[in-house]
């Protein structure tokens, strides 16, 4: 049996943390790998993963050669590169990808962003950075001397539905969903757990060339299953939460104030979020992309009303929602429900 030693970067963030947790706890995935190493800027946030059996390693950006040596020492042959929540997100991720190449890691999965290809470099420079990072990943495919070009996968994840938790206070106290989405255009939010499912399948999949032949070389675009305006999302929330919630189209300036005063988002993450809202207002997100999700997981992505039902406690102020970045702490419950409903 071919060995598989997986490394997950930004494991101290919600996305990396949930992918690692899923791999370490789900019987479907546990039998398909040997080790999971979690690379974290803040290792203290990964203690629970360590208890589950992960190796937790402090990520110290700054030197490509040092990072490459860390990957070699860990014996990593499959890596999930996730841009971290950090003001220097681009530079840190660029260094990680370069180190991955230098270390000759043969199986590389990169978490990108759906819509980055439609972002205007002048209007949405943060989103457009993902195109440059994708190019860095995919360029290795044309270099026969570099093992990192052997089995690449890019996952473009859509807008996380968990971002709605940033407005839980308004939904609970004002029965309002205030966001700068405009009135007419739509987007299809995807649950964090659904992205984690696809990533786990890719990382644990095996074929004669590394990753499963079903996945290697794929550019996978993931969105939720329902196109919705702000009003339609508010309707889904109303049905799930049992209270009438009205969508309020607010200005970008007001949205920034809300995020500043009631979330722990840093400035860079706020910029990404506001730029994505601008994509919605420009009509660049009026599509869904679920075929890859169905093909890889044999399941159906979470519908908006199901999402609000899963996070009902957080919206009611009874849970411990985490707002450091996109994502929240209830993904495990969502995943367990989906696994029971799956193939």
C-alpha atoms as a PDB file:
ATOM      1  CA  UNK A   1       0.000   0.000   0.000  1.00  0.00           C
ATOM      2  CA  UNK A   2       1.376   3.385  -1.023  1.00  0.00           C
ATOM      3  CA  UNK A   3       2.133   5.611   1.955  1.00  0.00           C
ATOM      4  CA  UNK A   4       0.486   9.008   2.291  1.00  0.00           C
ATOM      5  CA  UNK A   5       1.877  11.644   4.635  1.00  0.00           C
ATOM      6  CA  UNK A   6      -0.347  14.707   4.486  1.00  0.00           C
ATOM      7  CA  UNK A   7       0.496  18.264   5.499  1.00  0.00           C
ATOM      8  CA  UNK A   8      -2.227  20.873   5.977  1.00  0.00           C
ATOM      9  CA  UNK A   9      -1.147  24.503   6.167  1.00  0.00           C
ATOM     10  CA  UNK A  10      -3.045  27.218   8.062  1.00  0.00           C
ATOM     11  CA  UNK A  11      -4.426  24.479  10.307  1.00  0.00           C
ATOM     12  CA  UNK A  12      -5.058  27.102  12.976  1.00  0.00           C
ATOM     13  CA  UNK A  13      -7.743  28.623  10.739  1.00  0.00           C
ATOM     14  CA  UNK A  14     -11.290  27.215  10.367  1.00  0.00           C
ATOM     15  CA  UNK A  15     -10.793  25.663   6.914  1.00  0.00           C
ATOM     16  CA  UNK A  16      -7.513  23.880   7.614  1.00  0.00           C
ATOM     17  CA  UNK A  17      -8.671  22.871  11.069  1.00  0.00           C
ATOM     18  CA  UNK A  18     -11.869  21.270   9.787  1.00  0.00           C
ATOM     19  CA  UNK A  19     -10.089  19.423   6.961  1.00  0.00           C
ATOM     20  CA  UNK A  20      -7.600  17.988   9.469  1.00  0.00           C
ATOM     21  CA  UNK A  21     -10.353  17.074  11.917  1.00  0.00           C
ATOM     22  CA  UNK A  22     -12.335  15.333   9.193  1.00  0.00           C
ATOM     23  CA  UNK A  23      -9.339  13.295   8.050  1.00  0.00           C
ATOM     24  CA  UNK A  24      -8.487  12.270  11.616  1.00  0.00           C
ATOM     25  CA  UNK A  25     -11.989  11.332  12.771  1.00  0.00           C
ATOM     26  CA  UNK A  26     -13.946  10.068   9.778  1.00  0.00           C
ATOM     27  CA  UNK A  27     -13.651   6.304   9.233  1.00  0.00           C
ATOM     28  CA  UNK A  28     -13.958   6.779   5.471  1.00  0.00           C
ATOM     29  CA  UNK A  29     -10.728   8.798   5.331  1.00  0.00           C
ATOM     30  CA  UNK A  30      -8.637   7.458   8.234  1.00  0.00           C
ATOM     31  CA  UNK A  31      -7.680   4.276   6.410  1.00  0.00           C
ATOM     32  CA  UNK A  32      -6.241   6.124   3.408  1.00  0.00           C
ATOM     33  CA  UNK A  33      -3.289   7.946   4.963  1.00  0.00           C
ATOM     34  CA  UNK A  34      -0.423   7.348   7.380  1.00  0.00           C
ATOM     35  CA  UNK A  35       0.154  10.726   9.037  1.00  0.00           C
ATOM     36  CA  UNK A  36      -1.336  14.221   9.165  1.00  0.00           C
ATOM     37  CA  UNK A  37       0.926  17.158   9.942  1.00  0.00           C
ATOM     38  CA  UNK A  38      -0.676  20.503  10.762  1.00  0.00           C
ATOM     39  CA  UNK A  39       1.346  23.594   9.953  1.00  0.00           C
ATOM     40  CA  UNK A  40       0.110  26.526  12.048  1.00  0.00           C
ATOM     41  CA  UNK A  41       1.098  30.131  12.639  1.00  0.00           C
ATOM     42  CA  UNK A  42      -0.521  29.718  16.080  1.00  0.00           C
ATOM     43  CA  UNK A  43       0.011  26.090  17.187  1.00  0.00           C
ATOM     44  CA  UNK A  44      -1.972  26.690  20.408  1.00  0.00           C
ATOM     45  CA  UNK A  45      -5.154  26.596  18.293  1.00  0.00           C
ATOM     46  CA  UNK A  46      -4.378  23.029  17.183  1.00  0.00           C
ATOM     47  CA  UNK A  47      -4.133  21.260  20.548  1.00  0.00           C
ATOM     48  CA  UNK A  48      -7.326  19.319  19.876  1.00  0.00           C
ATOM     49  CA  UNK A  49      -5.901  18.128  16.550  1.00  0.00           C
ATOM     50  CA  UNK A  50      -2.774  16.964  18.333  1.00  0.00           C
ATOM     51  CA  UNK A  51      -4.959  14.958  20.719  1.00  0.00           C
ATOM     52  CA  UNK A  52      -6.592  13.341  17.682  1.00  0.00           C
ATOM     53  CA  UNK A  53      -3.189  12.195  16.420  1.00  0.00           C
ATOM     54  CA  UNK A  54      -1.908  15.040  14.243  1.00  0.00           C
ATOM     55  CA  UNK A  55       1.666  16.295  14.339  1.00  0.00           C
ATOM     56  CA  UNK A  56       1.498  20.057  14.944  1.00  0.00           C
ATOM     57  CA  UNK A  57       4.389  22.141  13.656  1.00  0.00           C
ATOM     58  CA  UNK A  58       4.860  25.887  14.123  1.00  0.00           C
ATOM     59  CA  UNK A  59       4.908  27.743  10.814  1.00  0.00           C
ATOM     60  CA  UNK A  60       7.649  30.363  10.843  1.00  0.00           C
ATOM     61  CA  UNK A  61       7.579  32.349   7.575  1.00  0.00           C
ATOM     62  CA  UNK A  62      10.641  34.099   6.243  1.00  0.00           C
ATOM     63  CA  UNK A  63      12.974  31.553   4.648  1.00  0.00           C
ATOM     64  CA  UNK A  64      12.030  29.337   1.699  1.00  0.00           C
ATOM     65  CA  UNK A  65      14.904  26.910   2.299  1.00  0.00           C
ATOM     66  CA  UNK A  66      13.971  26.486   5.966  1.00  0.00           C
ATOM     67  CA  UNK A  67      10.345  25.753   5.066  1.00  0.00           C
ATOM     68  CA  UNK A  68      11.438  23.275   2.381  1.00  0.00           C
ATOM     69  CA  UNK A  69      13.634  21.477   4.903  1.00  0.00           C
ATOM     70  CA  UNK A  70      10.702  21.232   7.334  1.00  0.00           C
ATOM     71  CA  UNK A  71       8.563  19.584   4.641  1.00  0.00           C
ATOM     72  CA  UNK A  72      11.365  17.168   3.742  1.00  0.00           C
ATOM     73  CA  UNK A  73      11.966  16.275   7.387  1.00  0.00           C
ATOM     74  CA  UNK A  74       8.267  15.497   7.845  1.00  0.00           C
ATOM     75  CA  UNK A  75       8.319  13.224   4.798  1.00  0.00           C
ATOM     76  CA  UNK A  76       5.366  15.062   3.282  1.00  0.00           C
ATOM     77  CA  UNK A  77       4.144  13.624  -0.017  1.00  0.00           C
ATOM     78  CA  UNK A  78       0.784  15.430  -0.159  1.00  0.00           C
ATOM     79  CA  UNK A  79       0.141  19.008   0.910  1.00  0.00           C
ATOM     80  CA  UNK A  80      -2.957  21.146   1.262  1.00  0.00           C
ATOM     81  CA  UNK A  81      -1.837  24.747   0.746  1.00  0.00           C
ATOM     82  CA  UNK A  82      -4.326  27.125   2.355  1.00  0.00           C
ATOM     83  CA  UNK A  83      -3.666  30.883   2.361  1.00  0.00           C
ATOM     84  CA  UNK A  84      -3.622  31.914   6.041  1.00  0.00           C
ATOM     85  CA  UNK A  85      -5.573  34.635   7.795  1.00  0.00           C
ATOM     86  CA  UNK A  86      -2.791  37.176   7.873  1.00  0.00           C
ATOM     87  CA  UNK A  87      -2.048  40.649   6.580  1.00  0.00           C
ATOM     88  CA  UNK A  88       0.796  39.072   4.568  1.00  0.00           C
ATOM     89  CA  UNK A  89      -1.407  36.292   3.178  1.00  0.00           C
ATOM     90  CA  UNK A  90      -0.048  36.544  -0.362  1.00  0.00           C
ATOM     91  CA  UNK A  91       3.643  36.596   0.588  1.00  0.00           C
ATOM     92  CA  UNK A  92       3.300  33.735   3.085  1.00  0.00           C
ATOM     93  CA  UNK A  93       1.395  31.598   0.577  1.00  0.00           C
ATOM     94  CA  UNK A  94       3.864  32.425  -2.203  1.00  0.00           C
ATOM     95  CA  UNK A  95       6.693  31.283   0.079  1.00  0.00           C
ATOM     96  CA  UNK A  96       4.829  28.057   0.952  1.00  0.00           C
ATOM     97  CA  UNK A  97       4.265  27.174  -2.698  1.00  0.00           C
ATOM     98  CA  UNK A  98       7.897  27.916  -3.541  1.00  0.00           C
ATOM     99  CA  UNK A  99       9.059  25.784  -0.600  1.00  0.00           C
ATOM    100  CA  UNK A 100       6.730  22.969  -1.691  1.00  0.00           C
ATOM    101  CA  UNK A 101       8.428  22.991  -5.094  1.00  0.00           C
ATOM    102  CA  UNK A 102      11.883  23.106  -3.551  1.00  0.00           C
ATOM    103  CA  UNK A 103      11.009  20.159  -1.300  1.00  0.00           C
ATOM    104  CA  UNK A 104       9.695  18.187  -4.285  1.00  0.00           C
ATOM    105  CA  UNK A 105       6.310  17.397  -2.735  1.00  0.00           C
ATOM    106  CA  UNK A 106       4.593  15.416  -5.532  1.00  0.00           C
ATOM    107  CA  UNK A 107       0.921  15.925  -4.610  1.00  0.00           C
ATOM    108  CA  UNK A 108      -0.182  19.535  -4.158  1.00  0.00           C
ATOM    109  CA  UNK A 109      -3.723  20.757  -3.540  1.00  0.00           C
ATOM    110  CA  UNK A 110      -4.217  24.524  -3.416  1.00  0.00           C
ATOM    111  CA  UNK A 111      -7.285  26.223  -1.942  1.00  0.00           C
ATOM    112  CA  UNK A 112      -8.140  29.174  -4.152  1.00  0.00           C
ATOM    113  CA  UNK A 113     -11.232  31.338  -4.517  1.00  0.00           C
ATOM    114  CA  UNK A 114     -14.132  31.023  -6.944  1.00  0.00           C
ATOM    115  CA  UNK A 115     -14.522  34.315  -8.796  1.00  0.00           C
ATOM    116  CA  UNK A 116     -10.850  35.287  -8.652  1.00  0.00           C
ATOM    117  CA  UNK A 117     -10.677  34.924 -12.435  1.00  0.00           C
ATOM    118  CA  UNK A 118     -13.478  37.491 -12.802  1.00  0.00           C
ATOM    119  CA  UNK A 119     -11.995  39.982 -10.355  1.00  0.00           C
ATOM    120  CA  UNK A 120     -10.784  43.281 -11.780  1.00  0.00           C
ATOM    121  CA  UNK A 121      -7.108  43.836 -10.844  1.00  0.00           C
ATOM    122  CA  UNK A 122      -7.880  47.496 -10.138  1.00  0.00           C
ATOM    123  CA  UNK A 123     -11.177  47.078  -8.278  1.00  0.00           C
ATOM    124  CA  UNK A 124     -10.552  43.744  -6.541  1.00  0.00           C
ATOM    125  CA  UNK A 125      -6.751  43.409  -6.196  1.00  0.00           C
ATOM    126  CA  UNK A 126      -6.946  41.106  -3.161  1.00  0.00           C
ATOM    127  CA  UNK A 127      -9.138  38.576  -4.964  1.00  0.00           C
ATOM    128  CA  UNK A 128      -6.984  38.775  -8.076  1.00  0.00           C
ATOM    129  CA  UNK A 129      -3.939  37.699  -6.058  1.00  0.00           C
ATOM    130  CA  UNK A 130      -5.324  34.166  -6.105  1.00  0.00           C
ATOM    131  CA  UNK A 131      -4.774  34.013  -9.877  1.00  0.00           C
ATOM    132  CA  UNK A 132      -1.069  34.721  -9.358  1.00  0.00           C
ATOM    133  CA  UNK A 133      -0.875  31.984  -6.719  1.00  0.00           C
ATOM    134  CA  UNK A 134      -2.717  29.502  -8.950  1.00  0.00           C
ATOM    135  CA  UNK A 135      -0.277  30.267 -11.745  1.00  0.00           C
ATOM    136  CA  UNK A 136       2.610  29.509  -9.403  1.00  0.00           C
ATOM    137  CA  UNK A 137       1.057  26.121  -8.598  1.00  0.00           C
ATOM    138  CA  UNK A 138       0.166  25.191 -12.177  1.00  0.00           C
ATOM    139  CA  UNK A 139       3.453  26.369 -13.719  1.00  0.00           C
ATOM    140  CA  UNK A 140       5.202  23.398 -12.106  1.00  0.00           C
ATOM    141  CA  UNK A 141       3.202  21.088 -14.381  1.00  0.00           C
ATOM    142  CA  UNK A 142       5.278  22.238 -17.328  1.00  0.00           C
ATOM    143  CA  UNK A 143       8.572  21.605 -15.547  1.00  0.00           C
ATOM    144  CA  UNK A 144       9.455  17.924 -15.878  1.00  0.00           C
ATOM    145  CA  UNK A 145      12.347  18.340 -13.443  1.00  0.00           C
ATOM    146  CA  UNK A 146      10.047  19.441 -10.602  1.00  0.00           C
ATOM    147  CA  UNK A 147       8.129  16.743  -8.712  1.00  0.00           C
ATOM    148  CA  UNK A 148       5.534  19.276  -7.516  1.00  0.00           C
ATOM    149  CA  UNK A 149       4.105  19.475 -11.011  1.00  0.00           C
ATOM    150  CA  UNK A 150       3.365  15.760 -10.963  1.00  0.00           C
ATOM    151  CA  UNK A 151      -0.087  15.792  -9.360  1.00  0.00           C
ATOM    152  CA  UNK A 152      -1.589  19.273  -8.813  1.00  0.00           C
ATOM    153  CA  UNK A 153      -5.174  20.125  -7.863  1.00  0.00           C
ATOM    154  CA  UNK A 154      -6.707  23.587  -7.480  1.00  0.00           C
ATOM    155  CA  UNK A 155      -9.957  23.998  -5.543  1.00  0.00           C
ATOM    156  CA  UNK A 156     -11.722  27.303  -6.088  1.00  0.00           C
ATOM    157  CA  UNK A 157     -14.076  27.595  -3.131  1.00  0.00           C
ATOM    158  CA  UNK A 158     -16.993  29.985  -3.327  1.00  0.00           C
ATOM    159  CA  UNK A 159     -18.192  32.465  -0.738  1.00  0.00           C
ATOM    160  CA  UNK A 160     -18.460  30.676   2.616  1.00  0.00           C
ATOM    161  CA  UNK A 161     -22.013  30.575   3.975  1.00  0.00           C
ATOM    162  CA  UNK A 162     -20.478  30.890   7.448  1.00  0.00           C
ATOM    163  CA  UNK A 163     -19.840  34.557   6.705  1.00  0.00           C
ATOM    164  CA  UNK A 164     -23.539  35.070   7.475  1.00  0.00           C
ATOM    165  CA  UNK A 165     -22.582  34.529  11.123  1.00  0.00           C
ATOM    166  CA  UNK A 166     -20.916  37.936  11.006  1.00  0.00           C
ATOM    167  CA  UNK A 167     -24.441  39.367  10.971  1.00  0.00           C
ATOM    168  CA  UNK A 168     -25.933  37.091  13.647  1.00  0.00           C
ATOM    169  CA  UNK A 169     -26.278  40.038  16.048  1.00  0.00           C
ATOM    170  CA  UNK A 170     -28.413  42.002  13.561  1.00  0.00           C
ATOM    171  CA  UNK A 171     -30.500  38.941  12.699  1.00  0.00           C
ATOM    172  CA  UNK A 172     -31.121  38.226  16.378  1.00  0.00           C
ATOM    173  CA  UNK A 173     -31.702  41.755  17.666  1.00  0.00           C
ATOM    174  CA  UNK A 174     -32.998  43.652  14.627  1.00  0.00           C
ATOM    175  CA  UNK A 175     -34.374  40.774  12.529  1.00  0.00           C
ATOM    176  CA  UNK A 176     -32.264  42.195   9.713  1.00  0.00           C
ATOM    177  CA  UNK A 177     -29.587  40.888   7.356  1.00  0.00           C
ATOM    178  CA  UNK A 178     -27.527  43.977   6.412  1.00  0.00           C
ATOM    179  CA  UNK A 179     -25.033  43.370   3.605  1.00  0.00           C
ATOM    180  CA  UNK A 180     -23.759  45.297   0.528  1.00  0.00           C
ATOM    181  CA  UNK A 181     -24.958  42.722  -2.010  1.00  0.00           C
ATOM    182  CA  UNK A 182     -27.138  44.985  -4.121  1.00  0.00           C
ATOM    183  CA  UNK A 183     -30.745  44.158  -4.939  1.00  0.00           C
ATOM    184  CA  UNK A 184     -30.814  42.053  -8.099  1.00  0.00           C
ATOM    185  CA  UNK A 185     -27.713  39.917  -8.553  1.00  0.00           C
ATOM    186  CA  UNK A 186     -27.196  36.515  -6.987  1.00  0.00           C
ATOM    187  CA  UNK A 187     -24.487  34.280  -5.566  1.00  0.00           C
ATOM    188  CA  UNK A 188     -24.366  30.716  -4.219  1.00  0.00           C
ATOM    189  CA  UNK A 189     -22.758  30.503  -0.759  1.00  0.00           C
ATOM    190  CA  UNK A 190     -21.126  27.181   0.085  1.00  0.00           C
ATOM    191  CA  UNK A 191     -20.829  25.662   3.543  1.00  0.00           C
ATOM    192  CA  UNK A 192     -17.341  25.281   4.964  1.00  0.00           C
ATOM    193  CA  UNK A 193     -17.992  21.603   5.623  1.00  0.00           C
ATOM    194  CA  UNK A 194     -18.650  20.971   1.944  1.00  0.00           C
ATOM    195  CA  UNK A 195     -15.279  22.443   0.995  1.00  0.00           C
ATOM    196  CA  UNK A 196     -13.629  20.314   3.682  1.00  0.00           C
ATOM    197  CA  UNK A 197     -15.310  17.196   2.281  1.00  0.00           C
ATOM    198  CA  UNK A 198     -13.880  17.743  -1.195  1.00  0.00           C
ATOM    199  CA  UNK A 199     -10.416  18.554   0.153  1.00  0.00           C
ATOM    200  CA  UNK A 200     -10.418  15.388   2.284  1.00  0.00           C
ATOM    201  CA  UNK A 201     -11.366  13.230  -0.699  1.00  0.00           C
ATOM    202  CA  UNK A 202      -8.583  14.762  -2.791  1.00  0.00           C
ATOM    203  CA  UNK A 203      -5.918  14.458  -0.078  1.00  0.00           C
ATOM    204  CA  UNK A 204      -6.769  10.842   0.725  1.00  0.00           C
ATOM    205  CA  UNK A 205      -7.348   9.720  -2.855  1.00  0.00           C
ATOM    206  CA  UNK A 206      -4.667   7.547  -4.437  1.00  0.00           C
ATOM    207  CA  UNK A 207      -3.772   6.573  -7.972  1.00  0.00           C
ATOM    208  CA  UNK A 208      -0.743   5.224  -9.781  1.00  0.00           C
ATOM    209  CA  UNK A 209       0.550   8.781 -10.296  1.00  0.00           C
ATOM    210  CA  UNK A 210      -0.126  10.111  -6.778  1.00  0.00           C
ATOM    211  CA  UNK A 211      -3.532  11.685  -6.190  1.00  0.00           C
ATOM    212  CA  UNK A 212      -6.451   9.739  -7.612  1.00  0.00           C
ATOM    213  CA  UNK A 213      -6.698  10.001 -11.400  1.00  0.00           C
ATOM    214  CA  UNK A 214     -10.221  11.352 -10.817  1.00  0.00           C
ATOM    215  CA  UNK A 215      -8.727  14.413  -9.120  1.00  0.00           C
ATOM    216  CA  UNK A 216      -5.168  15.081 -10.281  1.00  0.00           C
ATOM    217  CA  UNK A 217      -4.862  17.960 -12.716  1.00  0.00           C
ATOM    218  CA  UNK A 218      -8.361  19.200 -11.894  1.00  0.00           C
ATOM    219  CA  UNK A 219      -9.396  22.812 -11.373  1.00  0.00           C
ATOM    220  CA  UNK A 220     -12.415  22.286  -9.120  1.00  0.00           C
ATOM    221  CA  UNK A 221     -14.923  25.114  -8.729  1.00  0.00           C
ATOM    222  CA  UNK A 222     -17.215  24.802  -5.715  1.00  0.00           C
ATOM    223  CA  UNK A 223     -20.299  26.854  -4.920  1.00  0.00           C
ATOM    224  CA  UNK A 224     -23.452  26.132  -2.994  1.00  0.00           C
ATOM    225  CA  UNK A 225     -26.466  24.585  -4.751  1.00  0.00           C
ATOM    226  CA  UNK A 226     -28.755  27.626  -4.701  1.00  0.00           C
ATOM    227  CA  UNK A 227     -28.381  31.004  -6.374  1.00  0.00           C
ATOM    228  CA  UNK A 228     -29.776  33.634  -4.047  1.00  0.00           C
ATOM    229  CA  UNK A 229     -30.179  37.360  -3.710  1.00  0.00           C
ATOM    230  CA  UNK A 230     -29.863  38.987  -0.315  1.00  0.00           C
ATOM    231  CA  UNK A 231     -33.648  38.831  -0.008  1.00  0.00           C
ATOM    232  CA  UNK A 232     -33.709  35.107  -0.799  1.00  0.00           C
ATOM    233  CA  UNK A 233     -31.013  34.369   1.786  1.00  0.00           C
ATOM    234  CA  UNK A 234     -33.008  36.307   4.361  1.00  0.00           C
ATOM    235  CA  UNK A 235     -36.060  34.201   3.476  1.00  0.00           C
ATOM    236  CA  UNK A 236     -34.073  30.972   3.978  1.00  0.00           C
ATOM    237  CA  UNK A 237     -32.847  32.276   7.343  1.00  0.00           C
ATOM    238  CA  UNK A 238     -36.405  33.192   8.339  1.00  0.00           C
ATOM    239  CA  UNK A 239     -37.683  29.699   7.554  1.00  0.00           C
ATOM    240  CA  UNK A 240     -34.903  27.988   9.495  1.00  0.00           C
ATOM    241  CA  UNK A 241     -34.730  30.325  12.495  1.00  0.00           C
ATOM    242  CA  UNK A 242     -38.473  30.815  12.933  1.00  0.00           C
ATOM    243  CA  UNK A 243     -38.351  34.620  12.846  1.00  0.00           C
ATOM    244  CA  UNK A 244     -38.946  37.046  10.000  1.00  0.00           C
ATOM    245  CA  UNK A 245     -35.644  38.459   8.785  1.00  0.00           C
ATOM    246  CA  UNK A 246     -35.482  41.237   6.221  1.00  0.00           C
ATOM    247  CA  UNK A 247     -32.539  41.850   3.911  1.00  0.00           C
ATOM    248  CA  UNK A 248     -31.151  45.390   4.003  1.00  0.00           C
ATOM    249  CA  UNK A 249     -28.938  46.536   1.146  1.00  0.00           C
ATOM    250  CA  UNK A 250     -26.324  48.717   2.816  1.00  0.00           C
ATOM    251  CA  UNK A 251     -23.350  50.675   1.553  1.00  0.00           C
ATOM    252  CA  UNK A 252     -19.841  49.269   1.570  1.00  0.00           C
ATOM    253  CA  UNK A 253     -18.873  51.944   4.098  1.00  0.00           C
ATOM    254  CA  UNK A 254     -21.581  50.825   6.520  1.00  0.00           C
ATOM    255  CA  UNK A 255     -20.648  47.178   5.964  1.00  0.00           C
ATOM    256  CA  UNK A 256     -17.069  48.003   6.887  1.00  0.00           C
ATOM    257  CA  UNK A 257     -18.213  49.684  10.106  1.00  0.00           C
ATOM    258  CA  UNK A 258     -20.262  46.632  11.084  1.00  0.00           C
ATOM    259  CA  UNK A 259     -17.321  44.325  10.472  1.00  0.00           C
ATOM    260  CA  UNK A 260     -14.961  46.643  12.344  1.00  0.00           C
ATOM    261  CA  UNK A 261     -17.089  46.854  15.456  1.00  0.00           C
ATOM    262  CA  UNK A 262     -18.448  43.329  15.860  1.00  0.00           C
ATOM    263  CA  UNK A 263     -15.977  40.910  14.334  1.00  0.00           C
ATOM    264  CA  UNK A 264     -12.363  39.910  14.821  1.00  0.00           C
ATOM    265  CA  UNK A 265     -11.587  40.107  11.111  1.00  0.00           C
ATOM    266  CA  UNK A 266      -8.260  41.723  10.391  1.00  0.00           C
ATOM    267  CA  UNK A 267      -7.987  44.422   7.748  1.00  0.00           C
ATOM    268  CA  UNK A 268      -6.849  42.078   4.986  1.00  0.00           C
ATOM    269  CA  UNK A 269      -9.720  39.598   5.517  1.00  0.00           C
ATOM    270  CA  UNK A 270     -12.175  42.473   5.558  1.00  0.00           C
ATOM    271  CA  UNK A 271     -10.824  43.636   2.204  1.00  0.00           C
ATOM    272  CA  UNK A 272     -11.336  40.161   0.698  1.00  0.00           C
ATOM    273  CA  UNK A 273     -14.904  40.061   1.967  1.00  0.00           C
ATOM    274  CA  UNK A 274     -15.801  43.538   0.712  1.00  0.00           C
ATOM    275  CA  UNK A 275     -14.233  42.830  -2.678  1.00  0.00           C
ATOM    276  CA  UNK A 276     -16.339  39.685  -3.014  1.00  0.00           C
ATOM    277  CA  UNK A 277     -19.474  41.684  -2.232  1.00  0.00           C
ATOM    278  CA  UNK A 278     -18.442  43.973  -5.084  1.00  0.00           C
ATOM    279  CA  UNK A 279     -18.250  40.956  -7.420  1.00  0.00           C
ATOM    280  CA  UNK A 280     -21.832  40.102  -6.488  1.00  0.00           C
ATOM    281  CA  UNK A 281     -23.022  43.641  -7.174  1.00  0.00           C
ATOM    282  CA  UNK A 282     -21.304  43.526 -10.578  1.00  0.00           C
ATOM    283  CA  UNK A 283     -23.210  40.378 -11.544  1.00  0.00           C
ATOM    284  CA  UNK A 284     -20.076  38.216 -11.706  1.00  0.00           C
ATOM    285  CA  UNK A 285     -21.337  35.524  -9.327  1.00  0.00           C
ATOM    286  CA  UNK A 286     -24.604  34.604 -11.051  1.00  0.00           C
ATOM    287  CA  UNK A 287     -23.733  30.911 -11.424  1.00  0.00           C
ATOM    288  CA  UNK A 288     -23.583  27.655  -9.508  1.00  0.00           C
ATOM    289  CA  UNK A 289     -20.931  24.960  -9.797  1.00  0.00           C
ATOM    290  CA  UNK A 290     -21.874  21.735  -8.011  1.00  0.00           C
ATOM    291  CA  UNK A 291     -21.075  18.984 -10.534  1.00  0.00           C
ATOM    292  CA  UNK A 292     -17.571  18.458  -9.163  1.00  0.00           C
ATOM    293  CA  UNK A 293     -18.912  18.222  -5.615  1.00  0.00           C
ATOM    294  CA  UNK A 294     -21.454  15.575  -6.653  1.00  0.00           C
ATOM    295  CA  UNK A 295     -18.853  13.642  -8.646  1.00  0.00           C
ATOM    296  CA  UNK A 296     -16.229  13.623  -5.892  1.00  0.00           C
ATOM    297  CA  UNK A 297     -18.388  13.068  -2.788  1.00  0.00           C
ATOM    298  CA  UNK A 298     -21.522  11.394  -4.215  1.00  0.00           C
ATOM    299  CA  UNK A 299     -23.465  13.783  -1.975  1.00  0.00           C
ATOM    300  CA  UNK A 300     -25.457  16.996  -2.351  1.00  0.00           C
ATOM    301  CA  UNK A 301     -24.052  20.269  -0.992  1.00  0.00           C
ATOM    302  CA  UNK A 302     -25.844  21.905   1.912  1.00  0.00           C
ATOM    303  CA  UNK A 303     -28.857  24.035   0.974  1.00  0.00           C
ATOM    304  CA  UNK A 304     -29.101  27.517   2.551  1.00  0.00           C
ATOM    305  CA  UNK A 305     -32.043  26.587   4.766  1.00  0.00           C
ATOM    306  CA  UNK A 306     -30.109  23.524   6.001  1.00  0.00           C
ATOM    307  CA  UNK A 307     -27.117  25.733   6.757  1.00  0.00           C
ATOM    308  CA  UNK A 308     -29.191  28.076   8.925  1.00  0.00           C
ATOM    309  CA  UNK A 309     -30.709  25.077  10.713  1.00  0.00           C
ATOM    310  CA  UNK A 310     -27.264  23.638  11.505  1.00  0.00           C
ATOM    311  CA  UNK A 311     -26.102  26.982  12.929  1.00  0.00           C
ATOM    312  CA  UNK A 312     -29.388  27.855  14.649  1.00  0.00           C
ATOM    313  CA  UNK A 313     -27.723  27.967  18.062  1.00  0.00           C
ATOM    314  CA  UNK A 314     -25.094  30.462  16.940  1.00  0.00           C
ATOM    315  CA  UNK A 315     -27.661  32.734  15.334  1.00  0.00           C
ATOM    316  CA  UNK A 316     -29.709  32.586  18.538  1.00  0.00           C
ATOM    317  CA  UNK A 317     -26.666  33.625  20.555  1.00  0.00           C
ATOM    318  CA  UNK A 318     -26.351  30.232  22.292  1.00  0.00           C
ATOM    319  CA  UNK A 319     -23.290  28.935  20.456  1.00  0.00           C
ATOM    320  CA  UNK A 320     -19.661  29.910  20.238  1.00  0.00           C
ATOM    321  CA  UNK A 321     -19.371  31.077  16.655  1.00  0.00           C
ATOM    322  CA  UNK A 322     -15.852  31.928  15.567  1.00  0.00           C
ATOM    323  CA  UNK A 323     -15.449  35.001  13.412  1.00  0.00           C
ATOM    324  CA  UNK A 324     -11.682  35.222  12.985  1.00  0.00           C
ATOM    325  CA  UNK A 325     -12.055  34.502   9.302  1.00  0.00           C
ATOM    326  CA  UNK A 326     -14.407  32.723   6.966  1.00  0.00           C
ATOM    327  CA  UNK A 327     -15.831  29.715   8.715  1.00  0.00           C
ATOM    328  CA  UNK A 328     -17.189  28.750  12.088  1.00  0.00           C
ATOM    329  CA  UNK A 329     -17.055  26.101  14.718  1.00  0.00           C
ATOM    330  CA  UNK A 330     -20.132  24.044  13.840  1.00  0.00           C
ATOM    331  CA  UNK A 331     -18.798  22.357  10.722  1.00  0.00           C
ATOM    332  CA  UNK A 332     -18.380  18.983  12.453  1.00  0.00           C
ATOM    333  CA  UNK A 333     -22.113  18.749  13.146  1.00  0.00           C
ATOM    334  CA  UNK A 334     -22.806  19.637   9.529  1.00  0.00           C
ATOM    335  CA  UNK A 335     -20.387  16.965   8.289  1.00  0.00           C
ATOM    336  CA  UNK A 336     -21.854  14.220  10.464  1.00  0.00           C
ATOM    337  CA  UNK A 337     -25.328  14.974   9.122  1.00  0.00           C
ATOM    338  CA  UNK A 338     -24.122  14.927   5.540  1.00  0.00           C
ATOM    339  CA  UNK A 339     -22.230  11.656   5.994  1.00  0.00           C
ATOM    340  CA  UNK A 340     -25.419   9.957   7.178  1.00  0.00           C
ATOM    341  CA  UNK A 341     -27.284  11.275   4.164  1.00  0.00           C
ATOM    342  CA  UNK A 342     -24.527  10.401   1.692  1.00  0.00           C
ATOM    343  CA  UNK A 343     -23.937   7.407  -0.500  1.00  0.00           C
END
